[in-house]
């Protein structure tokens, strides 16, 4: 049998590796930026996350990718460490900012697109500032830059007629919880998935399912922790009598998912002690979520991932006091 030559595509043929090209590295970094919202340095997971956002609406997928691309590009332009950029660490806050603009400022307006670009670039500067401050105590930035930027945007937006396109003023006084608290089987499995989708501000259960698939594709351990965090949030919400409607739409549980993954699988060495510690943190974030929602409501703001950030930083700062807990390295 005649052996194929290199030119004919035989075994020795050299095929171009897209990931080593400039465009390939850039696209990979952007996709990893999306995946890093859930602590995953995986371009494949980022691609699945894009599919999930597009399943909720093409504009959300577009704004998520745009935010991650602008944040990544800004970091490169400003000379941020290439390793950070390549791993997606400069894209995830910008991705969330972009999606937040689409959700809260109406994605169909040019002003929203321009604000999303500007805010996604700005959050890179905010990230550097937060890193400088928290680095003193060897604490990570998490999604704090996103929370700061998105909170400022949503509170300020109604003051500008060319920015605010919605008919209602979002500011409202907090109210006592009302409505039925009993959870049906449908409520339970909807909540289980929407807790994961709401990390990206998406309330559709099927979008949360796709996100969960993306997490498992990249890291089964983090996927299991995400499931555990979601289950703990549902149980805590039910035990404390949260309205079933809020539980079903994931408003009580997305922070718990992030806390469980962060403390149980990323920032601390994964073992029985750290997982238990993480689930306690998940309970704490579930309780803190409505408190911060009530705090932001009069100004028209939103809780975003503030409960996750505050609980995770507090539990991580306390960890050195507990010898059974070990900080993850690398």
Foldseek 3Di string as FASTA:
>chain_A
DDADDLVRPGPPPDDDDLCPDPVNLLLLLLLLLQVCLLPFLGSQLSVLLLVLLVVLPPLLSVLLSLQQNLQLVLCVVVPHDPVCSSSNVRRNLSSLLSNLLCVQQPSPDPLSVVVSSVLSNVLNVVLVVQCVVCVVLPDHCNNVSSQVSSQVCQLCQVVDPNRHDDDDQQADADDDADAALDADPLLLQLLLQLLQVCLSPRQGSVSSVSSLVSVCVRPVVLSVLLSLLSVLQSVLCSVVRHHSVCSNRNQLGNLSSSLQSCQQPNFWPHDPVSNVLSSVLSSQLSVCRVVVQNVSRNSSGHCNNVSNVVSNRVSSSCQVVDVVIGTDDD
